Amino acid sequence: MSDAVPEPSQEVPVEPGYDPAAPAPLNVPRTPTGNAEVDAQLERLGDADHLATDGHIEVYEDVHRGLRDALTALDARPGPPAPSPSSDQRAPSPSYGTRS
């Protein structure tokens, strides 16, 4: 038997299957808004967690488009009618400038 102490290995043990360049989830919390269309778009952001960085732009553009469409739909929904111009008491009557 030898009294020599073996030198420690200079190699750092690597977990099997671990690739530091592989996509990793960001685990950013997504709080529901109560609007189904918006919530679906926010959940879509989770798809970027499984893609390489160069694939994120496609997801972000898709989510941006979906959020923009949801906002546009809110603007298009019918609301109360706008007041007619004749109900505005501050405006002069059309005959005001035609007096002789």
PDB file of N, CA and C in Angstrom:
ATOM      1  N   MET A   1       0.808  -1.177   0.000  1.00  0.00           N
ATOM      2  CA  MET A   1       0.000   0.000   0.000  1.00  0.00           C
ATOM      3  C   MET A   1       0.848   1.236   0.000  1.00  0.00           C
ATOM      4  N   SER A   2       0.361   2.235  -0.644  1.00  0.00           N
ATOM      5  CA  SER A   2       1.116   3.462  -0.751  1.00  0.00           C
ATOM      6  C   SER A   2       0.489   4.511   0.144  1.00  0.00           C
ATOM      7  N   ASP A   3       1.332   5.347   0.748  1.00  0.00           N
ATOM      8  CA  ASP A   3       0.829   6.434   1.591  1.00  0.00           C
ATOM      9  C   ASP A   3       0.552   7.691   0.778  1.00  0.00           C
ATOM     10  N   ALA A   4       0.723   7.630  -0.512  1.00  0.00           N
ATOM     11  CA  ALA A   4       0.503   8.803  -1.363  1.00  0.00           C
ATOM     12  C   ALA A   4      -0.987   9.113  -1.441  1.00  0.00           C
ATOM     13  N   VAL A   5      -1.261  10.397  -1.346  1.00  0.00           N
ATOM     14  CA  VAL A   5      -2.648  10.856  -1.441  1.00  0.00           C
ATOM     15  C   VAL A   5      -2.932  11.166  -2.905  1.00  0.00           C
ATOM     16  N   PRO A   6      -4.007  10.615  -3.436  1.00  0.00           N
ATOM     17  CA  PRO A   6      -4.286  10.901  -4.844  1.00  0.00           C
ATOM     18  C   PRO A   6      -4.634  12.376  -5.037  1.00  0.00           C
ATOM     19  N   GLU A   7      -4.156  12.922  -6.125  1.00  0.00           N
ATOM     20  CA  GLU A   7      -4.450  14.324  -6.418  1.00  0.00           C
ATOM     21  C   GLU A   7      -5.920  14.466  -6.800  1.00  0.00           C
ATOM     22  N   PRO A   8      -6.521  15.564  -6.338  1.00  0.00           N
ATOM     23  CA  PRO A   8      -7.929  15.758  -6.711  1.00  0.00           C
ATOM     24  C   PRO A   8      -8.039  16.040  -8.202  1.00  0.00           C
ATOM     25  N   SER A   9      -9.106  15.600  -8.746  1.00  0.00           N
ATOM     26  CA  SER A   9      -9.349  15.784 -10.177  1.00  0.00           C
ATOM     27  C   SER A   9      -9.608  17.256 -10.464  1.00  0.00           C
ATOM     28  N   GLN A  10      -9.058  17.757 -11.537  1.00  0.00           N
ATOM     29  CA  GLN A  10      -9.247  19.148 -11.941  1.00  0.00           C
ATOM     30  C   GLN A  10     -10.560  19.349 -12.705  1.00  0.00           C
ATOM     31  N   GLU A  11     -11.206  18.270 -13.069  1.00  0.00           N
ATOM     32  CA  GLU A  11     -12.453  18.355 -13.818  1.00  0.00           C
ATOM     33  C   GLU A  11     -13.615  18.632 -12.875  1.00  0.00           C
ATOM     34  N   VAL A  12     -14.492  19.487 -13.310  1.00  0.00           N
ATOM     35  CA  VAL A  12     -15.698  19.791 -12.536  1.00  0.00           C
ATOM     36  C   VAL A  12     -16.768  18.793 -12.957  1.00  0.00           C
ATOM     37  N   PRO A  13     -17.358  18.107 -11.993  1.00  0.00           N
ATOM     38  CA  PRO A  13     -18.393  17.145 -12.373  1.00  0.00           C
ATOM     39  C   PRO A  13     -19.591  17.869 -13.010  1.00  0.00           C
ATOM     40  N   VAL A  14     -20.081  17.320 -14.078  1.00  0.00           N
ATOM     41  CA  VAL A  14     -21.214  17.893 -14.811  1.00  0.00           C
ATOM     42  C   VAL A  14     -22.392  16.942 -14.681  1.00  0.00           C
ATOM     43  N   GLU A  15     -23.537  17.524 -14.382  1.00  0.00           N
ATOM     44  CA  GLU A  15     -24.733  16.703 -14.303  1.00  0.00           C
ATOM     45  C   GLU A  15     -25.025  16.116 -15.673  1.00  0.00           C
ATOM     46  N   PRO A  16     -25.402  14.862 -15.725  1.00  0.00           N
ATOM     47  CA  PRO A  16     -25.700  14.265 -17.024  1.00  0.00           C
ATOM     48  C   PRO A  16     -26.906  14.965 -17.661  1.00  0.00           C
ATOM     49  N   GLY A  17     -26.773  15.269 -18.923  1.00  0.00           N
ATOM     50  CA  GLY A  17     -27.871  15.900 -19.644  1.00  0.00           C
ATOM     51  C   GLY A  17     -27.962  17.398 -19.449  1.00  0.00           C
ATOM     52  N   TYR A  18     -27.071  17.996 -18.665  1.00  0.00           N
ATOM     53  CA  TYR A  18     -27.123  19.441 -18.446  1.00  0.00           C
ATOM     54  C   TYR A  18     -26.349  20.147 -19.545  1.00  0.00           C
ATOM     55  N   ASP A  19     -27.019  21.073 -20.203  1.00  0.00           N
ATOM     56  CA  ASP A  19     -26.385  21.872 -21.247  1.00  0.00           C
ATOM     57  C   ASP A  19     -26.621  23.333 -20.902  1.00  0.00           C
ATOM     58  N   PRO A  20     -25.579  24.077 -20.511  1.00  0.00           N
ATOM     59  CA  PRO A  20     -25.791  25.465 -20.103  1.00  0.00           C
ATOM     60  C   PRO A  20     -26.330  26.347 -21.214  1.00  0.00           C
ATOM     61  N   ALA A  21     -26.183  25.931 -22.464  1.00  0.00           N
ATOM     62  CA  ALA A  21     -26.685  26.731 -23.575  1.00  0.00           C
ATOM     63  C   ALA A  21     -28.120  26.359 -23.945  1.00  0.00           C
ATOM     64  N   ALA A  22     -28.657  25.341 -23.300  1.00  0.00           N
ATOM     65  CA  ALA A  22     -30.019  24.902 -23.620  1.00  0.00           C
ATOM     66  C   ALA A  22     -31.044  25.893 -23.074  1.00  0.00           C
ATOM     67  N   PRO A  23     -32.226  25.948 -23.697  1.00  0.00           N
ATOM     68  CA  PRO A  23     -33.281  26.835 -23.192  1.00  0.00           C
ATOM     69  C   PRO A  23     -33.647  26.471 -21.754  1.00  0.00           C
ATOM     70  N   ALA A  24     -33.895  27.489 -20.969  1.00  0.00           N
ATOM     71  CA  ALA A  24     -34.287  27.271 -19.571  1.00  0.00           C
ATOM     72  C   ALA A  24     -35.470  28.185 -19.259  1.00  0.00           C
ATOM     73  N   PRO A  25     -36.480  27.670 -18.575  1.00  0.00           N
ATOM     74  CA  PRO A  25     -37.630  28.499 -18.232  1.00  0.00           C
ATOM     75  C   PRO A  25     -37.222  29.683 -17.361  1.00  0.00           C
ATOM     76  N   LEU A  26     -37.814  30.829 -17.630  1.00  0.00           N
ATOM     77  CA  LEU A  26     -37.545  32.015 -16.818  1.00  0.00           C
ATOM     78  C   LEU A  26     -38.398  32.028 -15.553  1.00  0.00           C
ATOM     79  N   ASN A  27     -39.476  31.263 -15.561  1.00  0.00           N
ATOM     80  CA  ASN A  27     -40.400  31.180 -14.428  1.00  0.00           C
ATOM     81  C   ASN A  27     -40.909  32.551 -13.994  1.00  0.00           C
ATOM     82  N   VAL A  28     -41.220  33.398 -14.975  1.00  0.00           N
ATOM     83  CA  VAL A  28     -41.797  34.701 -14.679  1.00  0.00           C
ATOM     84  C   VAL A  28     -43.274  34.485 -14.372  1.00  0.00           C
ATOM     85  N   PRO A  29     -43.736  34.950 -13.218  1.00  0.00           N
ATOM     86  CA  PRO A  29     -45.152  34.737 -12.892  1.00  0.00           C
ATOM     87  C   PRO A  29     -46.052  35.547 -13.822  1.00  0.00           C
ATOM     88  N   ARG A  30     -47.148  34.928 -14.229  1.00  0.00           N
ATOM     89  CA  ARG A  30     -48.125  35.591 -15.087  1.00  0.00           C
ATOM     90  C   ARG A  30     -49.441  35.614 -14.326  1.00  0.00           C
ATOM     91  N   THR A  31     -49.837  36.783 -13.911  1.00  0.00           N
ATOM     92  CA  THR A  31     -51.060  36.955 -13.128  1.00  0.00           C
ATOM     93  C   THR A  31     -52.248  37.110 -14.068  1.00  0.00           C
ATOM     94  N   PRO A  32     -53.300  36.318 -13.891  1.00  0.00           N
ATOM     95  CA  PRO A  32     -54.478  36.445 -14.752  1.00  0.00           C
ATOM     96  C   PRO A  32     -55.092  37.840 -14.647  1.00  0.00           C
ATOM     97  N   THR A  33     -55.549  38.334 -15.795  1.00  0.00           N
ATOM     98  CA  THR A  33     -56.143  39.670 -15.848  1.00  0.00           C
ATOM     99  C   THR A  33     -57.654  39.646 -15.731  1.00  0.00           C
ATOM    100  N   GLY A  34     -58.262  38.498 -15.988  1.00  0.00           N
ATOM    101  CA  GLY A  34     -59.720  38.408 -15.994  1.00  0.00           C
ATOM    102  C   GLY A  34     -60.284  38.519 -17.399  1.00  0.00           C
ATOM    103  N   ASN A  35     -59.453  38.903 -18.364  1.00  0.00           N
ATOM    104  CA  ASN A  35     -59.868  38.969 -19.755  1.00  0.00           C
ATOM    105  C   ASN A  35     -59.307  37.722 -20.434  1.00  0.00           C
ATOM    106  N   ALA A  36     -60.195  36.861 -20.927  1.00  0.00           N
ATOM    107  CA  ALA A  36     -59.769  35.571 -21.472  1.00  0.00           C
ATOM    108  C   ALA A  36     -58.793  35.722 -22.638  1.00  0.00           C
ATOM    109  N   GLU A  37     -59.031  36.700 -23.515  1.00  0.00           N
ATOM    110  CA  GLU A  37     -58.147  36.888 -24.659  1.00  0.00           C
ATOM    111  C   GLU A  37     -56.737  37.300 -24.209  1.00  0.00           C
ATOM    112  N   VAL A  38     -56.660  38.213 -23.270  1.00  0.00           N
ATOM    113  CA  VAL A  38     -55.363  38.689 -22.770  1.00  0.00           C
ATOM    114  C   VAL A  38     -54.665  37.575 -22.003  1.00  0.00           C
ATOM    115  N   ASP A  39     -55.407  36.858 -21.170  1.00  0.00           N
ATOM    116  CA  ASP A  39     -54.810  35.769 -20.395  1.00  0.00           C
ATOM    117  C   ASP A  39     -54.233  34.684 -21.307  1.00  0.00           C
ATOM    118  N   ALA A  40     -54.911  34.393 -22.407  1.00  0.00           N
ATOM    119  CA  ALA A  40     -54.402  33.390 -23.351  1.00  0.00           C
ATOM    120  C   ALA A  40     -53.088  33.861 -23.961  1.00  0.00           C
ATOM    121  N   GLN A  41     -52.981  35.137 -24.264  1.00  0.00           N
ATOM    122  CA  GLN A  41     -51.733  35.672 -24.822  1.00  0.00           C
ATOM    123  C   GLN A  41     -50.609  35.621 -23.793  1.00  0.00           C
ATOM    124  N   LEU A  42     -50.915  35.934 -22.544  1.00  0.00           N
ATOM    125  CA  LEU A  42     -49.897  35.873 -21.498  1.00  0.00           C
ATOM    126  C   LEU A  42     -49.396  34.444 -21.302  1.00  0.00           C
ATOM    127  N   GLU A  43     -50.287  33.479 -21.380  1.00  0.00           N
ATOM    128  CA  GLU A  43     -49.870  32.077 -21.266  1.00  0.00           C
ATOM    129  C   GLU A  43     -48.997  31.676 -22.448  1.00  0.00           C
ATOM    130  N   ARG A  44     -49.268  32.251 -23.605  1.00  0.00           N
ATOM    131  CA  ARG A  44     -48.469  31.973 -24.813  1.00  0.00           C
ATOM    132  C   ARG A  44     -47.007  32.373 -24.600  1.00  0.00           C
ATOM    133  N   LEU A  45     -46.767  33.374 -23.753  1.00  0.00           N
ATOM    134  CA  LEU A  45     -45.386  33.771 -23.461  1.00  0.00           C
ATOM    135  C   LEU A  45     -44.573  32.609 -22.890  1.00  0.00           C
ATOM    136  N   GLY A  46     -45.241  31.684 -22.205  1.00  0.00           N
ATOM    137  CA  GLY A  46     -44.554  30.526 -21.634  1.00  0.00           C
ATOM    138  C   GLY A  46     -43.927  29.638 -22.698  1.00  0.00           C
ATOM    139  N   ASP A  47     -44.410  29.735 -23.952  1.00  0.00           N
ATOM    140  CA  ASP A  47     -43.827  28.931 -25.025  1.00  0.00           C
ATOM    141  C   ASP A  47     -42.379  29.306 -25.284  1.00  0.00           C
ATOM    142  N   ALA A  48     -42.019  30.543 -24.989  1.00  0.00           N
ATOM    143  CA  ALA A  48     -40.644  30.979 -25.209  1.00  0.00           C
ATOM    144  C   ALA A  48     -39.673  30.281 -24.262  1.00  0.00           C
ATOM    145  N   ASP A  49     -40.168  29.773 -23.139  1.00  0.00           N
ATOM    146  CA  ASP A  49     -39.303  29.099 -22.167  1.00  0.00           C
ATOM    147  C   ASP A  49     -38.625  27.859 -22.747  1.00  0.00           C
ATOM    148  N   HIS A  50     -39.220  27.270 -23.766  1.00  0.00           N
ATOM    149  CA  HIS A  50     -38.705  26.013 -24.305  1.00  0.00           C
ATOM    150  C   HIS A  50     -37.983  26.213 -25.630  1.00  0.00           C
ATOM    151  N   LEU A  51     -37.760  27.467 -26.004  1.00  0.00           N
ATOM    152  CA  LEU A  51     -37.101  27.768 -27.269  1.00  0.00           C
ATOM    153  C   LEU A  51     -35.739  28.396 -27.029  1.00  0.00           C
ATOM    154  N   ALA A  52     -34.872  28.245 -27.996  1.00  0.00           N
ATOM    155  CA  ALA A  52     -33.598  28.954 -27.953  1.00  0.00           C
ATOM    156  C   ALA A  52     -33.896  30.443 -28.108  1.00  0.00           C
ATOM    157  N   THR A  53     -32.975  31.271 -27.707  1.00  0.00           N
ATOM    158  CA  THR A  53     -33.186  32.717 -27.714  1.00  0.00           C
ATOM    159  C   THR A  53     -33.624  33.229 -29.076  1.00  0.00           C
ATOM    160  N   ASP A  54     -33.069  32.707 -30.148  1.00  0.00           N
ATOM    161  CA  ASP A  54     -33.444  33.202 -31.470  1.00  0.00           C
ATOM    162  C   ASP A  54     -34.878  32.839 -31.846  1.00  0.00           C
ATOM    163  N   GLY A  55     -35.523  31.967 -31.104  1.00  0.00           N
ATOM    164  CA  GLY A  55     -36.923  31.633 -31.351  1.00  0.00           C
ATOM    165  C   GLY A  55     -37.887  32.487 -30.549  1.00  0.00           C
ATOM    166  N   HIS A  56     -37.388  33.289 -29.606  1.00  0.00           N
ATOM    167  CA  HIS A  56     -38.255  34.109 -28.760  1.00  0.00           C
ATOM    168  C   HIS A  56     -38.988  35.177 -29.557  1.00  0.00           C
ATOM    169  N   ILE A  57     -38.341  35.767 -30.541  1.00  0.00           N
ATOM    170  CA  ILE A  57     -38.929  36.894 -31.264  1.00  0.00           C
ATOM    171  C   ILE A  57     -40.249  36.495 -31.909  1.00  0.00           C
ATOM    172  N   GLU A  58     -40.323  35.286 -32.435  1.00  0.00           N
ATOM    173  CA  GLU A  58     -41.564  34.837 -33.073  1.00  0.00           C
ATOM    174  C   GLU A  58     -42.705  34.780 -32.054  1.00  0.00           C
ATOM    175  N   VAL A  59     -42.408  34.269 -30.862  1.00  0.00           N
ATOM    176  CA  VAL A  59     -43.434  34.200 -29.814  1.00  0.00           C
ATOM    177  C   VAL A  59     -43.832  35.609 -29.380  1.00  0.00           C
ATOM    178  N   TYR A  60     -42.844  36.475 -29.153  1.00  0.00           N
ATOM    179  CA  TYR A  60     -43.138  37.837 -28.698  1.00  0.00           C
ATOM    180  C   TYR A  60     -43.962  38.599 -29.730  1.00  0.00           C
ATOM    181  N   GLU A  61     -43.631  38.444 -31.010  1.00  0.00           N
ATOM    182  CA  GLU A  61     -44.401  39.123 -32.053  1.00  0.00           C
ATOM    183  C   GLU A  61     -45.826  38.595 -32.117  1.00  0.00           C
ATOM    184  N   ASP A  62     -45.979  37.286 -31.955  1.00  0.00           N
ATOM    185  CA  ASP A  62     -47.309  36.684 -31.968  1.00  0.00           C
ATOM    186  C   ASP A  62     -48.140  37.190 -30.796  1.00  0.00           C
ATOM    187  N   VAL A  63     -47.538  37.255 -29.610  1.00  0.00           N
ATOM    188  CA  VAL A  63     -48.246  37.745 -28.419  1.00  0.00           C
ATOM    189  C   VAL A  63     -48.587  39.228 -28.593  1.00  0.00           C
ATOM    190  N   HIS A  64     -47.666  40.004 -29.105  1.00  0.00           N
ATOM    191  CA  HIS A  64     -47.923  41.433 -29.325  1.00  0.00           C
ATOM    192  C   HIS A  64     -49.103  41.621 -30.274  1.00  0.00           C
ATOM    193  N   ARG A  65     -49.117  40.852 -31.356  1.00  0.00           N
ATOM    194  CA  ARG A  65     -50.216  40.923 -32.325  1.00  0.00           C
ATOM    195  C   ARG A  65     -51.544  40.550 -31.649  1.00  0.00           C
ATOM    196  N   GLY A  66     -51.528  39.495 -30.838  1.00  0.00           N
ATOM    197  CA  GLY A  66     -52.745  39.066 -30.150  1.00  0.00           C
ATOM    198  C   GLY A  66     -53.244  40.103 -29.156  1.00  0.00           C
ATOM    199  N   LEU A  67     -52.323  40.721 -28.414  1.00  0.00           N
ATOM    200  CA  LEU A  67     -52.724  41.760 -27.454  1.00  0.00           C
ATOM    201  C   LEU A  67     -53.268  42.991 -28.185  1.00  0.00           C
ATOM    202  N   ARG A  68     -52.635  43.349 -29.289  1.00  0.00           N
ATOM    203  CA  ARG A  68     -53.112  44.494 -30.075  1.00  0.00           C
ATOM    204  C   ARG A  68     -54.515  44.208 -30.618  1.00  0.00           C
ATOM    205  N   ASP A  69     -54.755  42.982 -31.103  1.00  0.00           N
ATOM    206  CA  ASP A  69     -56.081  42.613 -31.602  1.00  0.00           C
ATOM    207  C   ASP A  69     -57.122  42.649 -30.490  1.00  0.00           C
ATOM    208  N   ALA A  70     -56.739  42.209 -29.291  1.00  0.00           N
ATOM    209  CA  ALA A  70     -57.677  42.231 -28.156  1.00  0.00           C
ATOM    210  C   ALA A  70     -58.040  43.666 -27.797  1.00  0.00           C
ATOM    211  N   LEU A  71     -57.061  44.569 -27.815  1.00  0.00           N
ATOM    212  CA  LEU A  71     -57.350  45.981 -27.522  1.00  0.00           C
ATOM    213  C   LEU A  71     -58.211  46.602 -28.614  1.00  0.00           C
ATOM    214  N   THR A  72     -57.941  46.266 -29.858  1.00  0.00           N
ATOM    215  CA  THR A  72     -58.742  46.784 -30.960  1.00  0.00           C
ATOM    216  C   THR A  72     -60.186  46.302 -30.840  1.00  0.00           C
ATOM    217  N   ALA A  73     -60.365  45.055 -30.425  1.00  0.00           N
ATOM    218  CA  ALA A  73     -61.722  44.523 -30.250  1.00  0.00           C
ATOM    219  C   ALA A  73     -62.461  45.279 -29.151  1.00  0.00           C
ATOM    220  N   LEU A  74     -61.746  45.692 -28.112  1.00  0.00           N
ATOM    221  CA  LEU A  74     -62.395  46.472 -27.054  1.00  0.00           C
ATOM    222  C   LEU A  74     -62.888  47.810 -27.594  1.00  0.00           C
ATOM    223  N   ASP A  75     -62.120  48.428 -28.470  1.00  0.00           N
ATOM    224  CA  ASP A  75     -62.519  49.700 -29.068  1.00  0.00           C
ATOM    225  C   ASP A  75     -63.702  49.536 -30.008  1.00  0.00           C
ATOM    226  N   ALA A  76     -63.828  48.377 -30.636  1.00  0.00           N
ATOM    227  CA  ALA A  76     -64.871  48.153 -31.624  1.00  0.00           C
ATOM    228  C   ALA A  76     -66.212  47.780 -30.993  1.00  0.00           C
ATOM    229  N   ARG A  77     -66.216  47.409 -29.742  1.00  0.00           N
ATOM    230  CA  ARG A  77     -67.475  47.023 -29.100  1.00  0.00           C
ATOM    231  C   ARG A  77     -68.395  48.221 -28.985  1.00  0.00           C
ATOM    232  N   PRO A  78     -69.691  48.009 -29.231  1.00  0.00           N
ATOM    233  CA  PRO A  78     -70.614  49.136 -29.135  1.00  0.00           C
ATOM    234  C   PRO A  78     -70.750  49.619 -27.695  1.00  0.00           C
ATOM    235  N   GLY A  79     -70.780  50.883 -27.548  1.00  0.00           N
ATOM    236  CA  GLY A  79     -70.943  51.492 -26.235  1.00  0.00           C
ATOM    237  C   GLY A  79     -72.114  52.450 -26.289  1.00  0.00           C
ATOM    238  N   PRO A  80     -72.250  53.289 -25.306  1.00  0.00           N
ATOM    239  CA  PRO A  80     -73.345  54.250 -25.338  1.00  0.00           C
ATOM    240  C   PRO A  80     -73.135  55.210 -26.510  1.00  0.00           C
ATOM    241  N   PRO A  81     -74.230  55.675 -27.092  1.00  0.00           N
ATOM    242  CA  PRO A  81     -74.096  56.572 -28.237  1.00  0.00           C
ATOM    243  C   PRO A  81     -73.450  57.886 -27.817  1.00  0.00           C
ATOM    244  N   ALA A  82     -72.684  58.445 -28.714  1.00  0.00           N
ATOM    245  CA  ALA A  82     -72.048  59.734 -28.456  1.00  0.00           C
ATOM    246  C   ALA A  82     -73.115  60.815 -28.500  1.00  0.00           C
ATOM    247  N   PRO A  83     -72.965  61.860 -27.706  1.00  0.00           N
ATOM    248  CA  PRO A  83     -73.963  62.932 -27.741  1.00  0.00           C
ATOM    249  C   PRO A  83     -73.973  63.586 -29.118  1.00  0.00           C
ATOM    250  N   SER A  84     -75.168  63.968 -29.552  1.00  0.00           N
ATOM    251  CA  SER A  84     -75.279  64.606 -30.868  1.00  0.00           C
ATOM    252  C   SER A  84     -74.744  66.032 -30.776  1.00  0.00           C
ATOM    253  N   PRO A  85     -74.248  66.568 -31.869  1.00  0.00           N
ATOM    254  CA  PRO A  85     -73.705  67.933 -31.839  1.00  0.00           C
ATOM    255  C   PRO A  85     -74.753  68.975 -31.438  1.00  0.00           C
ATOM    256  N   SER A  86     -76.032  68.730 -31.681  1.00  0.00           N
ATOM    257  CA  SER A  86     -77.065  69.709 -31.348  1.00  0.00           C
ATOM    258  C   SER A  86     -77.301  69.799 -29.845  1.00  0.00           C
ATOM    259  N   SER A  87     -76.848  68.780 -29.092  1.00  0.00           N
ATOM    260  CA  SER A  87     -77.070  68.825 -27.649  1.00  0.00           C
ATOM    261  C   SER A  87     -75.980  69.612 -26.927  1.00  0.00           C
ATOM    262  N   ASP A  88     -74.951  70.053 -27.650  1.00  0.00           N
ATOM    263  CA  ASP A  88     -73.880  70.831 -27.045  1.00  0.00           C
ATOM    264  C   ASP A  88     -74.335  72.285 -26.923  1.00  0.00           C
ATOM    265  N   GLN A  89     -74.593  72.734 -25.718  1.00  0.00           N
ATOM    266  CA  GLN A  89     -75.132  74.071 -25.483  1.00  0.00           C
ATOM    267  C   GLN A  89     -74.086  75.163 -25.667  1.00  0.00           C
ATOM    268  N   ARG A  90     -72.825  74.813 -25.685  1.00  0.00           N
ATOM    269  CA  ARG A  90     -71.775  75.812 -25.801  1.00  0.00           C
ATOM    270  C   ARG A  90     -71.576  76.279 -27.237  1.00  0.00           C
ATOM    271  N   ALA A  91     -71.951  75.479 -28.201  1.00  0.00           N
ATOM    272  CA  ALA A  91     -71.733  75.829 -29.603  1.00  0.00           C
ATOM    273  C   ALA A  91     -72.811  76.798 -30.070  1.00  0.00           C
ATOM    274  N   PRO A  92     -72.459  77.818 -30.850  1.00  0.00           N
ATOM    275  CA  PRO A  92     -73.472  78.734 -31.369  1.00  0.00           C
ATOM    276  C   PRO A  92     -74.368  78.027 -32.374  1.00  0.00           C
ATOM    277  N   SER A  93     -75.571  78.482 -32.484  1.00  0.00           N
ATOM    278  CA  SER A  93     -76.492  77.883 -33.446  1.00  0.00           C
ATOM    279  C   SER A  93     -75.995  78.190 -34.854  1.00  0.00           C
ATOM    280  N   PRO A  94     -76.368  77.340 -35.831  1.00  0.00           N
ATOM    281  CA  PRO A  94     -75.886  77.535 -37.187  1.00  0.00           C
ATOM    282  C   PRO A  94     -76.349  78.877 -37.783  1.00  0.00           C
ATOM    283  N   SER A  95     -77.461  79.423 -37.325  1.00  0.00           N
ATOM    284  CA  SER A  95     -77.960  80.680 -37.897  1.00  0.00           C
ATOM    285  C   SER A  95     -77.307  81.895 -37.272  1.00  0.00           C
ATOM    286  N   TYR A  96     -76.452  81.739 -36.297  1.00  0.00           N
ATOM    287  CA  TYR A  96     -75.835  82.842 -35.587  1.00  0.00           C
ATOM    288  C   TYR A  96     -75.054  83.768 -36.525  1.00  0.00           C
ATOM    289  N   GLY A  97     -74.312  83.204 -37.437  1.00  0.00           N
ATOM    290  CA  GLY A  97     -73.472  84.000 -38.305  1.00  0.00           C
ATOM    291  C   GLY A  97     -74.184  84.515 -39.545  1.00  0.00           C
ATOM    292  N   THR A  98     -75.466  84.172 -39.718  1.00  0.00           N
ATOM    293  CA  THR A  98     -76.163  84.591 -40.929  1.00  0.00           C
ATOM    294  C   THR A  98     -77.140  85.721 -40.695  1.00  0.00           C
ATOM    295  N   ARG A  99     -77.081  86.395 -39.576  1.00  0.00           N
ATOM    296  CA  ARG A  99     -77.977  87.520 -39.322  1.00  0.00           C
ATOM    297  C   ARG A  99     -77.594  88.708 -40.213  1.00  0.00           C
ATOM    298  N   SER A 100     -78.598  89.489 -40.581  1.00  0.00           N
ATOM    299  CA  SER A 100     -78.301  90.642 -41.411  1.00  0.00           C
ATOM    300  C   SER A 100     -78.364  91.920 -40.630  1.00  0.00           C
TER     301      SER A 100
END
